[in-house]
Amino acid sequence: MGIALSKKHGKAVVRNRIKRLLREVFSKNSHLLTKNWAVVILPHVAEEYSYGAFEKSMLLCFKKVNGGCGK
């Protein structure tokens, strides 16, 4: 898994928090991927970042790549 963040997301402290949240969400849910995938994450710039929002988005993406409807 790779995470790409620009300085638009904020200062280093904010960017590191985003990366920590994304790594945690990925590690807790990566078992849901049915095949081996190379994953690159590019989060949108937002006012606030939360574990729940990242998890919801990542689960939707996992569902799509596993062949689910995704809607």
PDB file of N, CA and C in Angstrom:
ATOM      1  N   MET A   1       0.840  -1.168   0.000  1.00  0.00           N
ATOM      2  CA  MET A   1       0.000   0.000   0.000  1.00  0.00           C
ATOM      3  C   MET A   1       0.885   1.231   0.000  1.00  0.00           C
ATOM      4  N   GLY A   2       0.517   2.186  -0.797  1.00  0.00           N
ATOM      5  CA  GLY A   2       1.222   3.454  -0.823  1.00  0.00           C
ATOM      6  C   GLY A   2       0.240   4.594  -0.581  1.00  0.00           C
ATOM      7  N   ILE A   3       0.684   5.608   0.120  1.00  0.00           N
ATOM      8  CA  ILE A   3      -0.150   6.770   0.410  1.00  0.00           C
ATOM      9  C   ILE A   3       0.550   7.999  -0.143  1.00  0.00           C
ATOM     10  N   ALA A   4      -0.178   8.795  -0.923  1.00  0.00           N
ATOM     11  CA  ALA A   4       0.387  10.010  -1.491  1.00  0.00           C
ATOM     12  C   ALA A   4      -0.400  11.207  -0.969  1.00  0.00           C
ATOM     13  N   LEU A   5       0.299  12.112  -0.297  1.00  0.00           N
ATOM     14  CA  LEU A   5      -0.321  13.320   0.240  1.00  0.00           C
ATOM     15  C   LEU A   5       0.485  14.533  -0.202  1.00  0.00           C
ATOM     16  N   SER A   6      -0.216  15.611  -0.500  1.00  0.00           N
ATOM     17  CA  SER A   6       0.479  16.850  -0.838  1.00  0.00           C
ATOM     18  C   SER A   6       0.415  17.797   0.349  1.00  0.00           C
ATOM     19  N   LYS A   7       1.106  18.893   0.232  1.00  0.00           N
ATOM     20  CA  LYS A   7       1.095  19.887   1.299  1.00  0.00           C
ATOM     21  C   LYS A   7      -0.249  20.597   1.403  1.00  0.00           C
ATOM     22  N   LYS A   8      -1.138  20.375   0.442  1.00  0.00           N
ATOM     23  CA  LYS A   8      -2.474  20.937   0.503  1.00  0.00           C
ATOM     24  C   LYS A   8      -3.265  20.362   1.680  1.00  0.00           C
ATOM     25  N   HIS A   9      -2.867  19.173   2.151  1.00  0.00           N
ATOM     26  CA  HIS A   9      -3.561  18.521   3.263  1.00  0.00           C
ATOM     27  C   HIS A   9      -3.215  19.158   4.604  1.00  0.00           C
ATOM     28  N   GLY A  10      -2.191  19.951   4.657  1.00  0.00           N
ATOM     29  CA  GLY A  10      -1.821  20.613   5.897  1.00  0.00           C
ATOM     30  C   GLY A  10      -0.352  20.419   6.210  1.00  0.00           C
ATOM     31  N   LYS A  11       0.003  20.789   7.424  1.00  0.00           N
ATOM     32  CA  LYS A  11       1.397  20.666   7.855  1.00  0.00           C
ATOM     33  C   LYS A  11       1.737  19.204   8.116  1.00  0.00           C
ATOM     34  N   ALA A  12       2.987  18.932   8.409  1.00  0.00           N
ATOM     35  CA  ALA A  12       3.481  17.562   8.560  1.00  0.00           C
ATOM     36  C   ALA A  12       2.716  16.776   9.620  1.00  0.00           C
ATOM     37  N   VAL A  13       2.339  17.441  10.703  1.00  0.00           N
ATOM     38  CA  VAL A  13       1.605  16.756  11.769  1.00  0.00           C
ATOM     39  C   VAL A  13       0.273  16.221  11.255  1.00  0.00           C
ATOM     40  N   VAL A  14      -0.421  17.023  10.475  1.00  0.00           N
ATOM     41  CA  VAL A  14      -1.720  16.631   9.920  1.00  0.00           C
ATOM     42  C   VAL A  14      -1.534  15.518   8.900  1.00  0.00           C
ATOM     43  N   ARG A  15      -0.539  15.664   8.031  1.00  0.00           N
ATOM     44  CA  ARG A  15      -0.291  14.636   7.011  1.00  0.00           C
ATOM     45  C   ARG A  15       0.083  13.308   7.655  1.00  0.00           C
ATOM     46  N   ASN A  16       0.879  13.337   8.710  1.00  0.00           N
ATOM     47  CA  ASN A  16       1.253  12.103   9.396  1.00  0.00           C
ATOM     48  C   ASN A  16       0.050  11.452  10.062  1.00  0.00           C
ATOM     49  N   ARG A  17      -0.860  12.258  10.612  1.00  0.00           N
ATOM     50  CA  ARG A  17      -2.073  11.706  11.225  1.00  0.00           C
ATOM     51  C   ARG A  17      -2.930  11.018  10.173  1.00  0.00           C
ATOM     52  N   ILE A  18      -3.064  11.636   9.005  1.00  0.00           N
ATOM     53  CA  ILE A  18      -3.838  11.043   7.914  1.00  0.00           C
ATOM     54  C   ILE A  18      -3.226   9.708   7.519  1.00  0.00           C
ATOM     55  N   LYS A  19      -1.909   9.666   7.383  1.00  0.00           N
ATOM     56  CA  LYS A  19      -1.235   8.423   7.006  1.00  0.00           C
ATOM     57  C   LYS A  19      -1.432   7.344   8.065  1.00  0.00           C
ATOM     58  N   ARG A  20      -1.351   7.722   9.344  1.00  0.00           N
ATOM     59  CA  ARG A  20      -1.573   6.744  10.416  1.00  0.00           C
ATOM     60  C   ARG A  20      -2.992   6.186  10.363  1.00  0.00           C
ATOM     61  N   LEU A  21      -3.974   7.060  10.159  1.00  0.00           N
ATOM     62  CA  LEU A  21      -5.360   6.604  10.069  1.00  0.00           C
ATOM     63  C   LEU A  21      -5.562   5.658   8.893  1.00  0.00           C
ATOM     64  N   LEU A  22      -5.023   6.018   7.733  1.00  0.00           N
ATOM     65  CA  LEU A  22      -5.177   5.180   6.544  1.00  0.00           C
ATOM     66  C   LEU A  22      -4.487   3.832   6.704  1.00  0.00           C
ATOM     67  N   ARG A  23      -3.291   3.822   7.285  1.00  0.00           N
ATOM     68  CA  ARG A  23      -2.603   2.545   7.515  1.00  0.00           C
ATOM     69  C   ARG A  23      -3.394   1.652   8.462  1.00  0.00           C
ATOM     70  N   GLU A  24      -3.976   2.230   9.501  1.00  0.00           N
ATOM     71  CA  GLU A  24      -4.765   1.462  10.460  1.00  0.00           C
ATOM     72  C   GLU A  24      -6.012   0.876   9.808  1.00  0.00           C
ATOM     73  N   VAL A  25      -6.730   1.691   9.048  1.00  0.00           N
ATOM     74  CA  VAL A  25      -7.927   1.209   8.351  1.00  0.00           C
ATOM     75  C   VAL A  25      -7.557   0.090   7.385  1.00  0.00           C
ATOM     76  N   PHE A  26      -6.483   0.277   6.639  1.00  0.00           N
ATOM     77  CA  PHE A  26      -6.073  -0.746   5.673  1.00  0.00           C
ATOM     78  C   PHE A  26      -5.668  -2.038   6.371  1.00  0.00           C
ATOM     79  N   SER A  27      -4.904  -1.941   7.438  1.00  0.00           N
ATOM     80  CA  SER A  27      -4.441  -3.162   8.110  1.00  0.00           C
ATOM     81  C   SER A  27      -5.595  -3.940   8.740  1.00  0.00           C
ATOM     82  N   LYS A  28      -6.613  -3.252   9.226  1.00  0.00           N
ATOM     83  CA  LYS A  28      -7.747  -3.938   9.850  1.00  0.00           C
ATOM     84  C   LYS A  28      -8.718  -4.520   8.824  1.00  0.00           C
ATOM     85  N   ASN A  29      -8.677  -4.045   7.582  1.00  0.00           N
ATOM     86  CA  ASN A  29      -9.645  -4.490   6.579  1.00  0.00           C
ATOM     87  C   ASN A  29      -9.021  -5.153   5.355  1.00  0.00           C
ATOM     88  N   SER A  30      -7.714  -5.275   5.298  1.00  0.00           N
ATOM     89  CA  SER A  30      -7.067  -5.837   4.103  1.00  0.00           C
ATOM     90  C   SER A  30      -7.435  -7.298   3.874  1.00  0.00           C
ATOM     91  N   HIS A  31      -7.862  -7.997   4.904  1.00  0.00           N
ATOM     92  CA  HIS A  31      -8.265  -9.397   4.737  1.00  0.00           C
ATOM     93  C   HIS A  31      -9.511  -9.526   3.857  1.00  0.00           C
ATOM     94  N   LEU A  32     -10.223  -8.430   3.624  1.00  0.00           N
ATOM     95  CA  LEU A  32     -11.422  -8.453   2.789  1.00  0.00           C
ATOM     96  C   LEU A  32     -11.106  -8.483   1.301  1.00  0.00           C
ATOM     97  N   LEU A  33      -9.875  -8.183   0.936  1.00  0.00           N
ATOM     98  CA  LEU A  33      -9.476  -8.261  -0.474  1.00  0.00           C
ATOM     99  C   LEU A  33      -9.307  -9.726  -0.848  1.00  0.00           C
ATOM    100  N   THR A  34      -9.927 -10.133  -1.951  1.00  0.00           N
ATOM    101  CA  THR A  34      -9.893 -11.536  -2.339  1.00  0.00           C
ATOM    102  C   THR A  34      -8.628 -11.917  -3.105  1.00  0.00           C
ATOM    103  N   LYS A  35      -7.948 -10.945  -3.675  1.00  0.00           N
ATOM    104  CA  LYS A  35      -6.722 -11.196  -4.438  1.00  0.00           C
ATOM    105  C   LYS A  35      -5.638 -10.260  -3.943  1.00  0.00           C
ATOM    106  N   ASN A  36      -4.437 -10.452  -4.451  1.00  0.00           N
ATOM    107  CA  ASN A  36      -3.340  -9.536  -4.134  1.00  0.00           C
ATOM    108  C   ASN A  36      -3.459  -8.300  -5.011  1.00  0.00           C
ATOM    109  N   TRP A  37      -3.405  -7.148  -4.392  1.00  0.00           N
ATOM    110  CA  TRP A  37      -3.532  -5.890  -5.102  1.00  0.00           C
ATOM    111  C   TRP A  37      -2.431  -4.943  -4.667  1.00  0.00           C
ATOM    112  N   ALA A  38      -2.006  -4.103  -5.584  1.00  0.00           N
ATOM    113  CA  ALA A  38      -1.139  -2.976  -5.240  1.00  0.00           C
ATOM    114  C   ALA A  38      -2.074  -1.789  -5.046  1.00  0.00           C
ATOM    115  N   VAL A  39      -2.038  -1.195  -3.881  1.00  0.00           N
ATOM    116  CA  VAL A  39      -2.995  -0.142  -3.538  1.00  0.00           C
ATOM    117  C   VAL A  39      -2.254   1.179  -3.358  1.00  0.00           C
ATOM    118  N   VAL A  40      -2.726   2.213  -4.053  1.00  0.00           N
ATOM    119  CA  VAL A  40      -2.211   3.567  -3.887  1.00  0.00           C
ATOM    120  C   VAL A  40      -3.392   4.424  -3.449  1.00  0.00           C
ATOM    121  N   ILE A  41      -3.243   5.110  -2.328  1.00  0.00           N
ATOM    122  CA  ILE A  41      -4.330   5.904  -1.768  1.00  0.00           C
ATOM    123  C   ILE A  41      -4.018   7.385  -1.936  1.00  0.00           C
ATOM    124  N   LEU A  42      -4.962   8.105  -2.529  1.00  0.00           N
ATOM    125  CA  LEU A  42      -4.851   9.547  -2.732  1.00  0.00           C
ATOM    126  C   LEU A  42      -6.092  10.198  -2.114  1.00  0.00           C
ATOM    127  N   PRO A  43      -6.049  10.565  -0.850  1.00  0.00           N
ATOM    128  CA  PRO A  43      -7.241  11.143  -0.217  1.00  0.00           C
ATOM    129  C   PRO A  43      -7.524  12.560  -0.702  1.00  0.00           C
ATOM    130  N   HIS A  44      -8.803  12.899  -0.722  1.00  0.00           N
ATOM    131  CA  HIS A  44      -9.215  14.260  -1.061  1.00  0.00           C
ATOM    132  C   HIS A  44      -8.918  15.190   0.107  1.00  0.00           C
ATOM    133  N   VAL A  45      -8.706  16.441  -0.201  1.00  0.00           N
ATOM    134  CA  VAL A  45      -8.501  17.445   0.839  1.00  0.00           C
ATOM    135  C   VAL A  45      -9.856  17.694   1.508  1.00  0.00           C
ATOM    136  N   ALA A  46      -9.872  17.673   2.838  1.00  0.00           N
ATOM    137  CA  ALA A  46     -11.108  17.878   3.590  1.00  0.00           C
ATOM    138  C   ALA A  46     -10.828  18.733   4.821  1.00  0.00           C
ATOM    139  N   GLU A  47     -11.887  19.238   5.411  1.00  0.00           N
ATOM    140  CA  GLU A  47     -11.753  20.027   6.639  1.00  0.00           C
ATOM    141  C   GLU A  47     -11.317  19.143   7.799  1.00  0.00           C
ATOM    142  N   GLU A  48     -11.919  17.950   7.874  1.00  0.00           N
ATOM    143  CA  GLU A  48     -11.652  17.056   8.995  1.00  0.00           C
ATOM    144  C   GLU A  48     -11.506  15.637   8.464  1.00  0.00           C
ATOM    145  N   TYR A  49     -10.599  14.894   9.060  1.00  0.00           N
ATOM    146  CA  TYR A  49     -10.348  13.516   8.663  1.00  0.00           C
ATOM    147  C   TYR A  49     -10.695  12.612   9.830  1.00  0.00           C
ATOM    148  N   SER A  50     -11.437  11.530   9.563  1.00  0.00           N
ATOM    149  CA  SER A  50     -11.808  10.632  10.643  1.00  0.00           C
ATOM    150  C   SER A  50     -11.623   9.185  10.208  1.00  0.00           C
ATOM    151  N   TYR A  51     -11.435   8.343  11.193  1.00  0.00           N
ATOM    152  CA  TYR A  51     -11.275   6.908  10.959  1.00  0.00           C
ATOM    153  C   TYR A  51     -12.512   6.359  10.252  1.00  0.00           C
ATOM    154  N   GLY A  52     -13.689   6.752  10.717  1.00  0.00           N
ATOM    155  CA  GLY A  52     -14.938   6.253  10.145  1.00  0.00           C
ATOM    156  C   GLY A  52     -15.112   6.597   8.681  1.00  0.00           C
ATOM    157  N   ALA A  53     -14.769   7.818   8.320  1.00  0.00           N
ATOM    158  CA  ALA A  53     -14.905   8.235   6.925  1.00  0.00           C
ATOM    159  C   ALA A  53     -13.936   7.464   6.029  1.00  0.00           C
ATOM    160  N   PHE A  54     -12.700   7.300   6.503  1.00  0.00           N
ATOM    161  CA  PHE A  54     -11.720   6.542   5.721  1.00  0.00           C
ATOM    162  C   PHE A  54     -12.146   5.081   5.590  1.00  0.00           C
ATOM    163  N   GLU A  55     -12.666   4.506   6.669  1.00  0.00           N
ATOM    164  CA  GLU A  55     -13.078   3.102   6.628  1.00  0.00           C
ATOM    165  C   GLU A  55     -14.243   2.911   5.663  1.00  0.00           C
ATOM    166  N   LYS A  56     -15.207   3.806   5.696  1.00  0.00           N
ATOM    167  CA  LYS A  56     -16.356   3.707   4.798  1.00  0.00           C
ATOM    168  C   LYS A  56     -15.910   3.756   3.341  1.00  0.00           C
ATOM    169  N   SER A  57     -15.031   4.688   3.011  1.00  0.00           N
ATOM    170  CA  SER A  57     -14.539   4.816   1.638  1.00  0.00           C
ATOM    171  C   SER A  57     -13.728   3.607   1.210  1.00  0.00           C
ATOM    172  N   MET A  58     -12.875   3.125   2.113  1.00  0.00           N
ATOM    173  CA  MET A  58     -12.018   1.998   1.762  1.00  0.00           C
ATOM    174  C   MET A  58     -12.837   0.716   1.580  1.00  0.00           C
ATOM    175  N   LEU A  59     -13.844   0.505   2.421  1.00  0.00           N
ATOM    176  CA  LEU A  59     -14.686  -0.680   2.274  1.00  0.00           C
ATOM    177  C   LEU A  59     -15.456  -0.649   0.966  1.00  0.00           C
ATOM    178  N   LEU A  60     -15.893   0.528   0.552  1.00  0.00           N
ATOM    179  CA  LEU A  60     -16.574   0.667  -0.735  1.00  0.00           C
ATOM    180  C   LEU A  60     -15.622   0.320  -1.883  1.00  0.00           C
ATOM    181  N   CYS A  61     -14.389   0.795  -1.796  1.00  0.00           N
ATOM    182  CA  CYS A  61     -13.392   0.477  -2.829  1.00  0.00           C
ATOM    183  C   CYS A  61     -13.086  -1.014  -2.860  1.00  0.00           C
ATOM    184  N   PHE A  62     -12.943  -1.630  -1.692  1.00  0.00           N
ATOM    185  CA  PHE A  62     -12.677  -3.068  -1.625  1.00  0.00           C
ATOM    186  C   PHE A  62     -13.822  -3.848  -2.257  1.00  0.00           C
ATOM    187  N   LYS A  63     -15.035  -3.412  -2.013  1.00  0.00           N
ATOM    188  CA  LYS A  63     -16.203  -4.084  -2.576  1.00  0.00           C
ATOM    189  C   LYS A  63     -16.174  -4.001  -4.101  1.00  0.00           C
ATOM    190  N   LYS A  64     -15.793  -2.839  -4.625  1.00  0.00           N
ATOM    191  CA  LYS A  64     -15.743  -2.660  -6.075  1.00  0.00           C
ATOM    192  C   LYS A  64     -14.679  -3.546  -6.715  1.00  0.00           C
ATOM    193  N   VAL A  65     -13.486  -3.601  -6.124  1.00  0.00           N
ATOM    194  CA  VAL A  65     -12.416  -4.383  -6.754  1.00  0.00           C
ATOM    195  C   VAL A  65     -12.648  -5.889  -6.591  1.00  0.00           C
ATOM    196  N   ASN A  66     -13.446  -6.281  -5.606  1.00  0.00           N
ATOM    197  CA  ASN A  66     -13.752  -7.694  -5.418  1.00  0.00           C
ATOM    198  C   ASN A  66     -14.895  -8.157  -6.315  1.00  0.00           C
ATOM    199  N   GLY A  67     -15.465  -7.251  -7.096  1.00  0.00           N
ATOM    200  CA  GLY A  67     -16.536  -7.631  -8.026  1.00  0.00           C
ATOM    201  C   GLY A  67     -17.918  -7.347  -7.501  1.00  0.00           C
ATOM    202  N   GLY A  68     -18.035  -6.623  -6.394  1.00  0.00           N
ATOM    203  CA  GLY A  68     -19.353  -6.261  -5.879  1.00  0.00           C
ATOM    204  C   GLY A  68     -19.968  -5.149  -6.701  1.00  0.00           C
ATOM    205  N   CYS A  69     -21.223  -4.856  -6.427  1.00  0.00           N
ATOM    206  CA  CYS A  69     -21.911  -3.829  -7.217  1.00  0.00           C
ATOM    207  C   CYS A  69     -21.375  -2.437  -6.912  1.00  0.00           C
ATOM    208  N   GLY A  70     -21.026  -2.161  -5.655  1.00  0.00           N
ATOM    209  CA  GLY A  70     -20.423  -0.881  -5.312  1.00  0.00           C
ATOM    210  C   GLY A  70     -21.384   0.281  -5.219  1.00  0.00           C
ATOM    211  N   LYS A  71     -22.667   0.032  -5.348  1.00  0.00           N
ATOM    212  CA  LYS A  71     -23.638   1.135  -5.273  1.00  0.00           C
ATOM    213  C   LYS A  71     -24.396   1.083  -3.989  1.00  0.00           C
TER     214      LYS A  71
END
